[in-house]
N, C-alpha and C. Protein backbone atom coordinates (compact mmCIF):
# COMPACT_ATOMS: atom_id res chain seq x y z
N MET A 1 -11.13 -14.39 -12.45
CA MET A 1 -10.09 -13.36 -12.40
C MET A 1 -10.54 -12.13 -13.18
N SER A 2 -10.28 -10.95 -12.63
CA SER A 2 -10.65 -9.71 -13.28
C SER A 2 -9.50 -9.19 -14.13
N ASN A 3 -9.81 -8.29 -15.04
CA ASN A 3 -8.78 -7.72 -15.89
C ASN A 3 -8.02 -6.63 -15.15
N PRO A 4 -6.71 -6.54 -15.38
CA PRO A 4 -5.93 -5.49 -14.70
C PRO A 4 -6.29 -4.12 -15.25
N PRO A 5 -6.15 -3.08 -14.44
CA PRO A 5 -6.44 -1.72 -14.92
C PRO A 5 -5.34 -1.22 -15.84
N ALA A 6 -5.69 -0.27 -16.66
CA ALA A 6 -4.68 0.39 -17.49
C ALA A 6 -3.84 1.31 -16.62
N ARG A 7 -2.60 1.52 -17.02
CA ARG A 7 -1.78 2.49 -16.30
C ARG A 7 -2.32 3.89 -16.53
N SER A 8 -2.27 4.70 -15.51
CA SER A 8 -2.80 6.05 -15.59
C SER A 8 -1.71 7.03 -16.02
N ALA A 9 -1.92 7.65 -17.17
CA ALA A 9 -0.97 8.67 -17.63
C ALA A 9 -0.96 9.86 -16.67
N LYS A 10 -2.14 10.21 -16.16
CA LYS A 10 -2.20 11.32 -15.21
C LYS A 10 -1.40 11.01 -13.96
N SER A 11 -1.50 9.77 -13.46
CA SER A 11 -0.74 9.39 -12.27
C SER A 11 0.76 9.42 -12.54
N ALA A 12 1.17 8.98 -13.74
CA ALA A 12 2.59 9.01 -14.08
C ALA A 12 3.11 10.45 -14.08
N SER A 13 2.37 11.34 -14.71
CA SER A 13 2.79 12.75 -14.75
C SER A 13 2.83 13.35 -13.36
N THR A 14 1.82 13.05 -12.54
CA THR A 14 1.76 13.60 -11.19
C THR A 14 2.91 13.09 -10.34
N LEU A 15 3.23 11.80 -10.47
CA LEU A 15 4.34 11.22 -9.70
C LEU A 15 5.66 11.87 -10.09
N ILE A 16 5.88 12.05 -11.37
CA ILE A 16 7.11 12.69 -11.84
C ILE A 16 7.18 14.13 -11.35
N GLU A 17 6.08 14.85 -11.47
CA GLU A 17 6.06 16.26 -11.04
C GLU A 17 6.30 16.38 -9.54
N ALA A 18 5.71 15.49 -8.75
CA ALA A 18 5.92 15.55 -7.30
C ALA A 18 7.37 15.24 -6.94
N THR A 19 7.97 14.28 -7.64
CA THR A 19 9.37 13.93 -7.39
C THR A 19 10.29 15.10 -7.72
N ILE A 20 10.01 15.77 -8.85
CA ILE A 20 10.81 16.93 -9.25
C ILE A 20 10.64 18.07 -8.25
N ALA A 21 9.41 18.28 -7.78
CA ALA A 21 9.15 19.35 -6.81
C ALA A 21 9.91 19.10 -5.51
N MET A 22 9.96 17.85 -5.07
CA MET A 22 10.72 17.52 -3.86
C MET A 22 12.20 17.80 -4.05
N ALA A 23 12.71 17.43 -5.23
CA ALA A 23 14.14 17.64 -5.51
C ALA A 23 14.46 19.14 -5.55
N ARG A 24 13.60 19.92 -6.16
CA ARG A 24 13.84 21.36 -6.23
C ARG A 24 13.85 21.99 -4.84
N ASP A 25 13.05 21.43 -3.96
CA ASP A 25 12.96 21.94 -2.60
C ASP A 25 14.12 21.45 -1.74
N GLY A 26 14.93 20.52 -2.27
CA GLY A 26 16.06 19.98 -1.52
C GLY A 26 15.66 19.00 -0.44
N ARG A 27 14.42 18.49 -0.48
CA ARG A 27 13.96 17.53 0.51
C ARG A 27 13.27 16.38 -0.21
N PRO A 28 14.02 15.31 -0.50
CA PRO A 28 13.43 14.16 -1.19
C PRO A 28 12.45 13.41 -0.28
N LEU A 29 11.82 12.41 -0.83
CA LEU A 29 10.71 11.71 -0.17
C LEU A 29 11.03 11.28 1.24
N MET A 30 12.14 10.58 1.43
CA MET A 30 12.40 9.98 2.73
C MET A 30 12.64 11.03 3.81
N GLN A 31 13.20 12.17 3.43
CA GLN A 31 13.40 13.25 4.41
C GLN A 31 12.07 13.84 4.86
N ARG A 32 11.06 13.70 4.05
CA ARG A 32 9.74 14.22 4.39
C ARG A 32 8.93 13.24 5.23
N VAL A 33 9.26 11.96 5.11
CA VAL A 33 8.50 10.93 5.82
C VAL A 33 9.09 10.65 7.20
N LEU A 34 10.42 10.66 7.30
CA LEU A 34 11.10 10.28 8.53
C LEU A 34 11.50 11.51 9.35
N PRO A 35 11.66 11.36 10.66
CA PRO A 35 12.00 12.51 11.51
C PRO A 35 13.38 13.05 11.18
N ALA A 36 13.52 14.37 11.27
CA ALA A 36 14.80 15.01 10.95
C ALA A 36 15.72 15.06 12.15
N ASP A 37 15.17 14.90 13.37
CA ASP A 37 15.97 15.12 14.58
C ASP A 37 16.39 13.83 15.28
N ALA A 38 16.07 12.67 14.68
CA ALA A 38 16.43 11.39 15.30
C ALA A 38 16.39 10.31 14.25
N PRO A 39 17.24 9.27 14.41
CA PRO A 39 17.21 8.17 13.44
C PRO A 39 15.89 7.42 13.54
N PRO A 40 15.39 6.88 12.43
CA PRO A 40 14.15 6.11 12.49
C PRO A 40 14.32 4.84 13.31
N VAL A 41 13.25 4.40 13.93
CA VAL A 41 13.25 3.21 14.78
C VAL A 41 12.50 2.11 14.06
N VAL A 42 13.12 0.93 13.95
CA VAL A 42 12.46 -0.17 13.25
C VAL A 42 11.12 -0.49 13.91
N TRP A 43 10.15 -0.80 13.09
CA TRP A 43 8.77 -1.14 13.45
C TRP A 43 7.92 0.08 13.80
N ASP A 44 8.53 1.21 14.18
CA ASP A 44 7.71 2.38 14.50
C ASP A 44 6.98 2.87 13.25
N HIS A 45 5.78 3.40 13.45
CA HIS A 45 4.99 3.94 12.35
C HIS A 45 5.31 5.42 12.16
N TYR A 46 5.41 5.82 10.89
CA TYR A 46 5.60 7.22 10.52
C TYR A 46 4.54 7.59 9.49
N PRO A 47 3.59 8.47 9.83
CA PRO A 47 3.40 9.10 11.15
C PRO A 47 2.83 8.11 12.16
N GLU A 48 2.92 8.47 13.43
CA GLU A 48 2.57 7.55 14.50
C GLU A 48 1.12 7.09 14.41
N ASP A 49 0.21 7.98 14.08
CA ASP A 49 -1.23 7.65 14.06
C ASP A 49 -1.77 7.48 12.65
N ASP A 50 -0.94 7.24 11.67
CA ASP A 50 -1.32 7.10 10.27
C ASP A 50 -1.76 8.45 9.69
N ALA A 51 -1.60 8.60 8.40
CA ALA A 51 -2.09 9.76 7.68
C ALA A 51 -3.42 9.36 7.03
N VAL A 52 -4.51 9.91 7.54
CA VAL A 52 -5.86 9.51 7.10
C VAL A 52 -6.52 10.66 6.36
N ASP A 53 -6.95 10.41 5.13
CA ASP A 53 -7.65 11.44 4.37
C ASP A 53 -9.04 11.66 4.95
N ARG A 54 -9.35 12.90 5.22
CA ARG A 54 -10.62 13.22 5.90
C ARG A 54 -11.84 13.04 5.01
N THR A 55 -11.62 12.98 3.71
CA THR A 55 -12.74 12.82 2.78
C THR A 55 -12.91 11.37 2.34
N SER A 56 -11.84 10.77 1.84
CA SER A 56 -11.93 9.41 1.29
C SER A 56 -11.78 8.32 2.35
N GLY A 57 -11.10 8.64 3.47
CA GLY A 57 -10.80 7.63 4.47
C GLY A 57 -9.58 6.80 4.13
N ALA A 58 -8.99 7.00 2.93
CA ALA A 58 -7.75 6.31 2.59
C ALA A 58 -6.65 6.73 3.56
N ARG A 59 -5.70 5.85 3.77
CA ARG A 59 -4.64 6.15 4.75
C ARG A 59 -3.35 5.44 4.39
N TRP A 60 -2.29 5.84 5.09
CA TRP A 60 -1.00 5.19 4.92
C TRP A 60 -0.15 5.38 6.17
N TYR A 61 0.82 4.50 6.33
CA TYR A 61 1.92 4.72 7.26
C TYR A 61 3.16 4.05 6.68
N TYR A 62 4.31 4.50 7.15
CA TYR A 62 5.59 3.96 6.71
C TYR A 62 6.28 3.31 7.89
N HIS A 63 6.95 2.19 7.65
CA HIS A 63 7.83 1.64 8.66
C HIS A 63 8.88 0.76 8.01
N ALA A 64 9.85 0.37 8.80
CA ALA A 64 10.93 -0.48 8.31
C ALA A 64 11.10 -1.66 9.25
N HIS A 65 11.35 -2.82 8.66
CA HIS A 65 11.67 -4.01 9.45
C HIS A 65 13.17 -4.01 9.76
N PRO A 66 13.62 -4.87 10.66
CA PRO A 66 15.07 -5.00 10.87
C PRO A 66 15.77 -5.38 9.57
N PRO A 67 17.04 -5.03 9.42
CA PRO A 67 17.73 -5.25 8.14
C PRO A 67 17.61 -6.67 7.58
N GLY A 68 17.65 -7.68 8.44
CA GLY A 68 17.57 -9.06 7.95
C GLY A 68 16.19 -9.46 7.47
N GLU A 69 15.20 -8.60 7.67
CA GLU A 69 13.82 -8.94 7.29
C GLU A 69 13.29 -8.03 6.18
N ARG A 70 14.18 -7.37 5.47
CA ARG A 70 13.77 -6.49 4.38
C ARG A 70 14.01 -7.15 3.04
N GLY A 71 13.29 -6.67 2.03
CA GLY A 71 13.51 -7.14 0.68
C GLY A 71 14.81 -6.59 0.13
N PRO A 72 15.24 -7.08 -1.04
CA PRO A 72 16.49 -6.62 -1.65
C PRO A 72 16.49 -5.11 -1.88
N GLY A 73 17.49 -4.42 -1.31
CA GLY A 73 17.61 -2.98 -1.51
C GLY A 73 16.56 -2.14 -0.82
N GLU A 74 15.74 -2.75 0.03
CA GLU A 74 14.64 -2.02 0.67
C GLU A 74 15.10 -1.24 1.89
N HIS A 75 14.62 0.00 1.99
CA HIS A 75 14.79 0.75 3.24
C HIS A 75 13.62 0.48 4.16
N GLY A 76 12.41 0.51 3.62
CA GLY A 76 11.19 0.25 4.36
C GLY A 76 10.03 0.26 3.39
N HIS A 77 8.81 0.32 3.90
CA HIS A 77 7.67 0.30 3.00
C HIS A 77 6.48 1.06 3.57
N PHE A 78 5.65 1.52 2.64
CA PHE A 78 4.40 2.18 2.97
C PHE A 78 3.28 1.14 2.96
N HIS A 79 2.50 1.11 4.02
CA HIS A 79 1.28 0.31 4.01
C HIS A 79 0.13 1.22 3.60
N LEU A 80 -0.61 0.81 2.59
CA LEU A 80 -1.65 1.62 1.98
C LEU A 80 -3.02 0.98 2.22
N PHE A 81 -3.99 1.77 2.68
CA PHE A 81 -5.29 1.25 3.06
C PHE A 81 -6.43 2.05 2.46
N LEU A 82 -7.52 1.36 2.14
CA LEU A 82 -8.80 1.99 1.84
C LEU A 82 -9.70 1.88 3.06
N ASP A 83 -10.64 2.80 3.16
CA ASP A 83 -11.68 2.70 4.18
C ASP A 83 -12.65 1.61 3.73
N LYS A 84 -12.78 0.55 4.49
CA LYS A 84 -13.61 -0.58 4.04
C LYS A 84 -15.09 -0.18 3.95
N ARG A 85 -15.47 0.89 4.63
CA ARG A 85 -16.85 1.34 4.55
C ARG A 85 -17.19 1.96 3.20
N ARG A 86 -16.15 2.25 2.39
CA ARG A 86 -16.38 2.79 1.05
C ARG A 86 -16.51 1.69 0.00
N LEU A 87 -16.27 0.44 0.38
CA LEU A 87 -16.45 -0.65 -0.55
C LEU A 87 -17.93 -0.96 -0.71
N SER A 88 -18.27 -1.68 -1.74
CA SER A 88 -19.67 -2.04 -1.97
C SER A 88 -20.18 -2.95 -0.87
N ARG A 89 -21.42 -2.71 -0.46
CA ARG A 89 -22.03 -3.58 0.55
C ARG A 89 -22.25 -5.00 0.03
N ALA A 90 -22.20 -5.14 -1.29
CA ALA A 90 -22.36 -6.47 -1.87
C ALA A 90 -21.09 -7.31 -1.72
N ASP A 91 -19.97 -6.66 -1.46
CA ASP A 91 -18.70 -7.38 -1.31
C ASP A 91 -18.58 -7.93 0.11
N ARG A 92 -18.18 -9.15 0.21
CA ARG A 92 -18.05 -9.81 1.51
C ARG A 92 -16.58 -9.99 1.86
N ALA A 93 -16.23 -9.64 3.08
CA ALA A 93 -14.85 -9.81 3.55
C ALA A 93 -14.55 -11.28 3.77
N TRP A 94 -13.34 -11.68 3.44
CA TRP A 94 -12.89 -13.05 3.73
C TRP A 94 -12.58 -13.22 5.21
N GLY A 95 -12.10 -12.15 5.81
CA GLY A 95 -11.72 -12.21 7.22
C GLY A 95 -11.82 -10.84 7.84
N LYS A 96 -12.05 -10.81 9.13
CA LYS A 96 -12.22 -9.53 9.84
C LYS A 96 -11.44 -9.55 11.14
N PRO A 97 -11.12 -8.36 11.67
CA PRO A 97 -10.40 -8.29 12.95
C PRO A 97 -11.18 -8.99 14.05
N PRO A 98 -10.49 -9.70 14.91
CA PRO A 98 -11.18 -10.43 15.97
C PRO A 98 -11.56 -9.53 17.15
N GLY A 99 -12.60 -9.92 17.85
CA GLY A 99 -12.95 -9.29 19.12
C GLY A 99 -13.17 -7.80 19.03
N ARG A 100 -12.69 -7.09 20.04
CA ARG A 100 -12.94 -5.65 20.14
C ARG A 100 -12.26 -4.84 19.05
N SER A 101 -11.15 -5.33 18.52
CA SER A 101 -10.45 -4.55 17.50
C SER A 101 -11.33 -4.38 16.26
N ARG A 102 -12.34 -5.23 16.09
CA ARG A 102 -13.24 -5.12 14.96
C ARG A 102 -14.01 -3.79 15.00
N LEU A 103 -14.19 -3.25 16.18
CA LEU A 103 -14.98 -2.03 16.34
C LEU A 103 -14.23 -0.79 15.86
N ARG A 104 -12.91 -0.84 15.86
CA ARG A 104 -12.14 0.34 15.50
C ARG A 104 -11.36 0.20 14.19
N ALA A 105 -11.23 -1.03 13.70
CA ALA A 105 -10.46 -1.25 12.48
C ALA A 105 -11.39 -1.26 11.28
N ASN A 106 -11.44 -0.17 10.54
CA ASN A 106 -12.33 -0.05 9.39
C ASN A 106 -11.52 0.10 8.10
N VAL A 107 -10.46 -0.69 7.99
CA VAL A 107 -9.59 -0.57 6.83
C VAL A 107 -9.44 -1.91 6.13
N THR A 108 -9.19 -1.82 4.83
CA THR A 108 -8.75 -2.97 4.06
C THR A 108 -7.42 -2.60 3.41
N HIS A 109 -6.48 -3.52 3.44
CA HIS A 109 -5.11 -3.26 2.98
C HIS A 109 -5.05 -3.37 1.46
N VAL A 110 -4.64 -2.31 0.82
CA VAL A 110 -4.46 -2.34 -0.64
C VAL A 110 -3.20 -3.10 -0.99
N ALA A 111 -2.07 -2.67 -0.44
CA ALA A 111 -0.78 -3.31 -0.69
C ALA A 111 0.26 -2.57 0.13
N ALA A 112 1.47 -3.09 0.12
CA ALA A 112 2.62 -2.41 0.71
C ALA A 112 3.58 -2.04 -0.41
N LEU A 113 4.10 -0.83 -0.34
CA LEU A 113 4.98 -0.29 -1.38
C LEU A 113 6.38 -0.10 -0.79
N SER A 114 7.31 -0.92 -1.24
CA SER A 114 8.69 -0.83 -0.76
C SER A 114 9.45 0.25 -1.53
N VAL A 115 10.33 0.94 -0.80
CA VAL A 115 11.19 1.94 -1.43
C VAL A 115 12.63 1.72 -1.00
N ASP A 116 13.57 2.19 -1.83
CA ASP A 116 14.97 2.10 -1.47
C ASP A 116 15.36 3.32 -0.65
N PRO A 117 16.61 3.41 -0.18
CA PRO A 117 16.99 4.55 0.65
C PRO A 117 16.81 5.91 -0.01
N ALA A 118 16.79 5.95 -1.35
CA ALA A 118 16.59 7.21 -2.06
C ALA A 118 15.11 7.54 -2.23
N GLY A 119 14.23 6.61 -1.81
CA GLY A 119 12.80 6.84 -1.94
C GLY A 119 12.21 6.40 -3.26
N LEU A 120 12.96 5.60 -4.04
CA LEU A 120 12.44 5.09 -5.31
C LEU A 120 11.68 3.79 -5.06
N PRO A 121 10.52 3.62 -5.68
CA PRO A 121 9.74 2.40 -5.46
C PRO A 121 10.42 1.18 -6.06
N THR A 122 10.47 0.10 -5.31
CA THR A 122 11.19 -1.10 -5.77
C THR A 122 10.30 -2.34 -5.86
N ARG A 123 9.26 -2.40 -5.03
CA ARG A 123 8.45 -3.63 -4.98
C ARG A 123 7.09 -3.32 -4.38
N ILE A 124 6.09 -4.06 -4.83
CA ILE A 124 4.76 -4.01 -4.24
C ILE A 124 4.47 -5.40 -3.69
N PHE A 125 3.87 -5.49 -2.50
CA PHE A 125 3.56 -6.83 -1.99
C PHE A 125 2.26 -6.84 -1.20
N ALA A 126 1.69 -8.03 -1.09
CA ALA A 126 0.42 -8.23 -0.40
C ALA A 126 0.62 -9.19 0.77
N THR A 127 -0.09 -8.95 1.84
CA THR A 127 0.12 -9.68 3.08
C THR A 127 -1.15 -10.40 3.54
N ASN A 128 -0.96 -11.26 4.52
CA ASN A 128 -2.07 -11.97 5.15
C ASN A 128 -2.87 -11.01 6.05
N ARG A 129 -4.08 -11.41 6.41
CA ARG A 129 -4.99 -10.56 7.17
C ARG A 129 -4.40 -10.08 8.48
N TRP A 130 -3.73 -10.97 9.22
CA TRP A 130 -3.28 -10.64 10.56
C TRP A 130 -2.17 -9.58 10.57
N VAL A 131 -1.45 -9.46 9.46
CA VAL A 131 -0.28 -8.58 9.42
C VAL A 131 -0.67 -7.14 9.71
N THR A 132 -1.77 -6.68 9.13
CA THR A 132 -2.21 -5.29 9.32
C THR A 132 -3.54 -5.21 10.07
N ASP A 133 -4.03 -6.33 10.57
CA ASP A 133 -5.29 -6.39 11.32
C ASP A 133 -6.42 -5.74 10.52
N GLU A 134 -6.54 -6.12 9.28
CA GLU A 134 -7.49 -5.52 8.35
C GLU A 134 -8.77 -6.35 8.23
N TRP A 135 -9.75 -5.76 7.57
CA TRP A 135 -10.86 -6.48 6.98
C TRP A 135 -10.37 -6.91 5.60
N LEU A 136 -10.12 -8.18 5.42
CA LEU A 136 -9.51 -8.65 4.18
C LEU A 136 -10.60 -8.92 3.14
N TYR A 137 -10.54 -8.18 2.05
CA TYR A 137 -11.49 -8.34 0.95
C TYR A 137 -10.78 -8.93 -0.26
N PRO A 138 -11.51 -9.64 -1.10
CA PRO A 138 -10.90 -10.21 -2.31
C PRO A 138 -10.41 -9.12 -3.26
N ALA A 139 -9.50 -9.52 -4.14
CA ALA A 139 -8.87 -8.58 -5.06
C ALA A 139 -9.88 -7.77 -5.85
N ALA A 140 -10.91 -8.42 -6.37
CA ALA A 140 -11.87 -7.72 -7.23
C ALA A 140 -12.56 -6.59 -6.49
N ALA A 141 -12.89 -6.79 -5.21
CA ALA A 141 -13.56 -5.76 -4.43
C ALA A 141 -12.67 -4.54 -4.25
N ILE A 142 -11.38 -4.77 -4.02
CA ILE A 142 -10.44 -3.66 -3.83
C ILE A 142 -10.20 -2.92 -5.14
N MET A 143 -10.01 -3.68 -6.21
CA MET A 143 -9.71 -3.05 -7.49
C MET A 143 -10.89 -2.21 -7.99
N ARG A 144 -12.10 -2.60 -7.68
CA ARG A 144 -13.26 -1.80 -8.09
C ARG A 144 -13.29 -0.43 -7.41
N ARG A 145 -12.60 -0.30 -6.28
CA ARG A 145 -12.61 0.95 -5.53
C ARG A 145 -11.22 1.60 -5.43
N LEU A 146 -10.30 1.12 -6.27
CA LEU A 146 -8.93 1.64 -6.16
C LEU A 146 -8.87 3.13 -6.45
N ASP A 147 -9.82 3.64 -7.26
CA ASP A 147 -9.81 5.07 -7.54
C ASP A 147 -10.17 5.91 -6.33
N LEU A 148 -10.64 5.26 -5.25
CA LEU A 148 -10.92 5.98 -4.01
C LEU A 148 -9.67 6.20 -3.17
N TYR A 149 -8.53 5.67 -3.65
CA TYR A 149 -7.30 5.93 -2.90
C TYR A 149 -6.81 7.34 -3.26
N THR A 150 -7.40 8.32 -2.57
CA THR A 150 -7.04 9.72 -2.75
C THR A 150 -6.60 10.30 -1.41
N LEU A 151 -5.63 11.19 -1.47
CA LEU A 151 -5.05 11.75 -0.25
C LEU A 151 -5.01 13.28 -0.30
N ASP A 152 -5.92 13.87 -1.08
CA ASP A 152 -5.93 15.34 -1.22
C ASP A 152 -6.25 16.03 0.10
N ASP A 153 -6.97 15.34 0.97
CA ASP A 153 -7.41 15.95 2.23
C ASP A 153 -6.78 15.24 3.43
N ALA A 154 -5.57 14.70 3.22
CA ALA A 154 -4.85 14.02 4.30
C ALA A 154 -3.87 14.99 4.97
N PRO A 155 -3.59 14.79 6.25
CA PRO A 155 -2.62 15.65 6.94
C PRO A 155 -1.19 15.35 6.50
N GLY A 156 -0.28 16.21 6.90
CA GLY A 156 1.12 15.97 6.61
C GLY A 156 1.58 16.69 5.35
N ASP A 157 2.67 16.21 4.80
CA ASP A 157 3.30 16.84 3.65
C ASP A 157 2.47 16.59 2.39
N PRO A 158 1.98 17.64 1.74
CA PRO A 158 1.14 17.44 0.55
C PRO A 158 1.86 16.71 -0.58
N LEU A 159 3.17 16.94 -0.73
CA LEU A 159 3.89 16.27 -1.81
C LEU A 159 4.00 14.77 -1.56
N VAL A 160 4.16 14.36 -0.31
CA VAL A 160 4.19 12.93 0.00
C VAL A 160 2.84 12.31 -0.30
N ASN A 161 1.77 12.96 0.12
CA ASN A 161 0.43 12.43 -0.15
C ASN A 161 0.14 12.35 -1.64
N THR A 162 0.53 13.38 -2.37
CA THR A 162 0.35 13.37 -3.82
C THR A 162 1.14 12.25 -4.46
N TRP A 163 2.37 12.06 -4.02
CA TRP A 163 3.25 11.02 -4.57
C TRP A 163 2.66 9.62 -4.34
N LEU A 164 2.17 9.37 -3.14
CA LEU A 164 1.63 8.04 -2.83
C LEU A 164 0.36 7.74 -3.61
N ALA A 165 -0.56 8.71 -3.68
CA ALA A 165 -1.78 8.48 -4.44
C ALA A 165 -1.46 8.25 -5.92
N ALA A 166 -0.49 8.99 -6.45
CA ALA A 166 -0.10 8.80 -7.84
C ALA A 166 0.55 7.44 -8.05
N ALA A 167 1.33 6.98 -7.08
CA ALA A 167 1.96 5.66 -7.20
C ALA A 167 0.91 4.56 -7.29
N VAL A 168 -0.17 4.69 -6.52
CA VAL A 168 -1.24 3.70 -6.59
C VAL A 168 -1.86 3.68 -7.98
N GLY A 169 -2.07 4.85 -8.58
CA GLY A 169 -2.62 4.91 -9.92
C GLY A 169 -1.68 4.37 -10.98
N LEU A 170 -0.39 4.65 -10.84
CA LEU A 170 0.58 4.20 -11.82
C LEU A 170 0.80 2.69 -11.75
N PHE A 171 0.88 2.17 -10.54
CA PHE A 171 1.19 0.75 -10.37
C PHE A 171 -0.06 -0.11 -10.16
N GLY A 172 -1.19 0.37 -10.70
CA GLY A 172 -2.42 -0.41 -10.62
C GLY A 172 -2.28 -1.83 -11.15
N PRO A 173 -1.62 -2.06 -12.30
CA PRO A 173 -1.47 -3.44 -12.79
C PRO A 173 -0.71 -4.34 -11.83
N GLU A 174 0.32 -3.80 -11.18
CA GLU A 174 1.08 -4.62 -10.22
C GLU A 174 0.25 -4.89 -8.96
N ILE A 175 -0.51 -3.89 -8.50
CA ILE A 175 -1.38 -4.10 -7.34
C ILE A 175 -2.39 -5.19 -7.66
N HIS A 176 -2.98 -5.13 -8.84
CA HIS A 176 -3.93 -6.15 -9.27
C HIS A 176 -3.28 -7.53 -9.25
N ALA A 177 -2.07 -7.63 -9.81
CA ALA A 177 -1.40 -8.93 -9.90
C ALA A 177 -1.10 -9.51 -8.53
N VAL A 178 -0.60 -8.69 -7.60
CA VAL A 178 -0.25 -9.24 -6.29
C VAL A 178 -1.49 -9.60 -5.48
N LEU A 179 -2.58 -8.83 -5.64
CA LEU A 179 -3.80 -9.17 -4.92
C LEU A 179 -4.42 -10.46 -5.46
N GLU A 180 -4.39 -10.65 -6.77
CA GLU A 180 -4.88 -11.90 -7.36
C GLU A 180 -4.03 -13.07 -6.88
N ALA A 181 -2.70 -12.88 -6.85
CA ALA A 181 -1.82 -13.95 -6.39
C ALA A 181 -2.02 -14.22 -4.90
N ARG A 182 -2.23 -13.16 -4.12
CA ARG A 182 -2.54 -13.33 -2.69
C ARG A 182 -3.80 -14.15 -2.50
N ASP A 183 -4.84 -13.84 -3.26
CA ASP A 183 -6.10 -14.57 -3.12
C ASP A 183 -5.92 -16.05 -3.45
N ALA A 184 -5.14 -16.34 -4.50
CA ALA A 184 -4.90 -17.73 -4.86
C ALA A 184 -4.15 -18.46 -3.75
N ALA A 185 -3.14 -17.78 -3.19
CA ALA A 185 -2.38 -18.41 -2.10
C ALA A 185 -3.25 -18.63 -0.87
N LEU A 186 -4.11 -17.66 -0.56
CA LEU A 186 -4.98 -17.81 0.60
C LEU A 186 -6.04 -18.89 0.38
N SER A 187 -6.56 -18.99 -0.83
CA SER A 187 -7.55 -20.03 -1.11
C SER A 187 -6.96 -21.41 -0.86
N ALA A 188 -5.73 -21.60 -1.33
CA ALA A 188 -5.07 -22.89 -1.11
C ALA A 188 -4.79 -23.12 0.37
N ALA A 189 -4.36 -22.06 1.07
CA ALA A 189 -4.04 -22.20 2.50
C ALA A 189 -5.29 -22.48 3.32
N ILE A 190 -6.39 -21.80 3.00
CA ILE A 190 -7.63 -22.00 3.75
C ILE A 190 -8.18 -23.40 3.53
N SER A 191 -7.97 -23.96 2.35
CA SER A 191 -8.41 -25.33 2.08
C SER A 191 -7.68 -26.31 2.99
N ALA A 192 -6.43 -25.99 3.30
CA ALA A 192 -5.64 -26.86 4.17
C ALA A 192 -5.87 -26.58 5.64
N SER A 193 -6.18 -25.30 5.97
CA SER A 193 -6.38 -24.91 7.36
C SER A 193 -7.36 -23.75 7.43
N PRO A 194 -8.51 -23.91 8.08
CA PRO A 194 -9.49 -22.82 8.18
C PRO A 194 -8.95 -21.58 8.88
N ASP A 195 -7.89 -21.72 9.67
CA ASP A 195 -7.32 -20.59 10.40
C ASP A 195 -6.15 -19.93 9.67
N ALA A 196 -6.06 -20.14 8.37
CA ALA A 196 -4.90 -19.66 7.61
C ALA A 196 -4.74 -18.15 7.66
N LEU A 197 -5.85 -17.40 7.77
CA LEU A 197 -5.76 -15.94 7.79
C LEU A 197 -5.04 -15.43 9.02
N GLU A 198 -4.95 -16.25 10.06
CA GLU A 198 -4.28 -15.85 11.30
C GLU A 198 -2.97 -16.62 11.52
N ASP A 199 -2.51 -17.35 10.53
CA ASP A 199 -1.30 -18.15 10.61
C ASP A 199 -0.07 -17.25 10.57
N ARG A 200 0.65 -17.17 11.68
CA ARG A 200 1.83 -16.29 11.75
C ARG A 200 2.97 -16.73 10.86
N ASP A 201 2.90 -17.92 10.33
CA ASP A 201 3.92 -18.37 9.37
C ASP A 201 3.59 -17.94 7.95
N LEU A 202 2.40 -17.38 7.75
CA LEU A 202 2.00 -16.85 6.45
C LEU A 202 1.90 -15.34 6.56
N ASP A 203 2.89 -14.64 6.07
CA ASP A 203 2.86 -13.18 6.17
C ASP A 203 2.81 -12.54 4.78
N VAL A 204 3.93 -12.46 4.08
CA VAL A 204 3.92 -11.93 2.71
C VAL A 204 3.51 -13.05 1.77
N LEU A 205 2.43 -12.84 1.04
CA LEU A 205 1.85 -13.89 0.21
C LEU A 205 2.11 -13.70 -1.28
N ALA A 206 2.44 -12.48 -1.70
CA ALA A 206 2.71 -12.24 -3.12
C ALA A 206 3.45 -10.92 -3.26
N PHE A 207 4.29 -10.83 -4.28
CA PHE A 207 4.99 -9.57 -4.53
C PHE A 207 5.29 -9.43 -6.02
N ALA A 208 5.56 -8.19 -6.42
CA ALA A 208 5.99 -7.90 -7.78
C ALA A 208 7.03 -6.80 -7.72
N ASP A 209 8.12 -6.97 -8.46
CA ASP A 209 9.13 -5.93 -8.55
C ASP A 209 8.61 -4.78 -9.41
N LEU A 210 9.07 -3.57 -9.11
CA LEU A 210 8.62 -2.38 -9.80
C LEU A 210 9.74 -1.75 -10.61
N ASP A 211 9.40 -1.24 -11.78
CA ASP A 211 10.34 -0.49 -12.62
C ASP A 211 9.66 0.84 -12.92
N LEU A 212 10.03 1.87 -12.18
CA LEU A 212 9.37 3.17 -12.31
C LEU A 212 9.51 3.74 -13.71
N ASP A 213 10.72 3.69 -14.27
CA ASP A 213 10.93 4.27 -15.60
C ASP A 213 10.07 3.56 -16.65
N ALA A 214 10.05 2.22 -16.59
CA ALA A 214 9.28 1.46 -17.59
C ALA A 214 7.78 1.73 -17.43
N ALA A 215 7.30 1.78 -16.17
CA ALA A 215 5.89 2.02 -15.95
C ALA A 215 5.48 3.41 -16.43
N ALA A 216 6.30 4.42 -16.13
CA ALA A 216 5.98 5.78 -16.56
C ALA A 216 6.01 5.90 -18.08
N SER A 217 6.99 5.26 -18.71
CA SER A 217 7.09 5.30 -20.18
C SER A 217 5.87 4.64 -20.81
N GLU A 218 5.44 3.52 -20.24
CA GLU A 218 4.25 2.83 -20.77
C GLU A 218 3.00 3.70 -20.61
N ALA A 219 2.86 4.31 -19.45
CA ALA A 219 1.68 5.13 -19.21
C ALA A 219 1.62 6.36 -20.10
N LEU A 220 2.78 6.97 -20.33
CA LEU A 220 2.83 8.21 -21.10
C LEU A 220 2.97 7.99 -22.58
N GLY A 221 3.16 6.71 -22.97
CA GLY A 221 3.25 6.39 -24.39
C GLY A 221 4.57 6.79 -25.01
């Protein structure tokens, strides 16, 4: 097991500043992510083709499950990805997309970030490989490259991109914890069944609740 990262004071300040800037503009996070002219549709991705940073390859999309399939107080969640080609060549994936999808899927899933209807972060969780059709890498490989989750050159609303990248930096300890717990759960599942990475009964494998105020206070001292 690797050591968790320290909370980033810079990320805490950036997240707070981005939140204040959105409030001053009268358009909070969710109004910037979801369409203004129609209600959001469950399972649809926002944006439709993901927001991909042209420099780092990091990306994200937002979606919501049906009400009965959401976490407590959750409106929906952001799926956050690194470009797997930016990971070390020494790191080996546990699982990869099958067949032809392997040719176009060059992402590894960092985590999913749940938010409430006001856009406040409530939970971070990690999923099985099939959920996001990712190249699934062990926790240590992802954590070594977590600083590559940058969205300065991503399309869309700059404040949303800034907010998400800062959230990854602030909640690094929780991301570490859920990825380590995911790996432990998968190791046990694979021992019982070699096809565990594609088991549709195994979806969310680990989660941690988030306390934004406590995390920011800890980071800023």
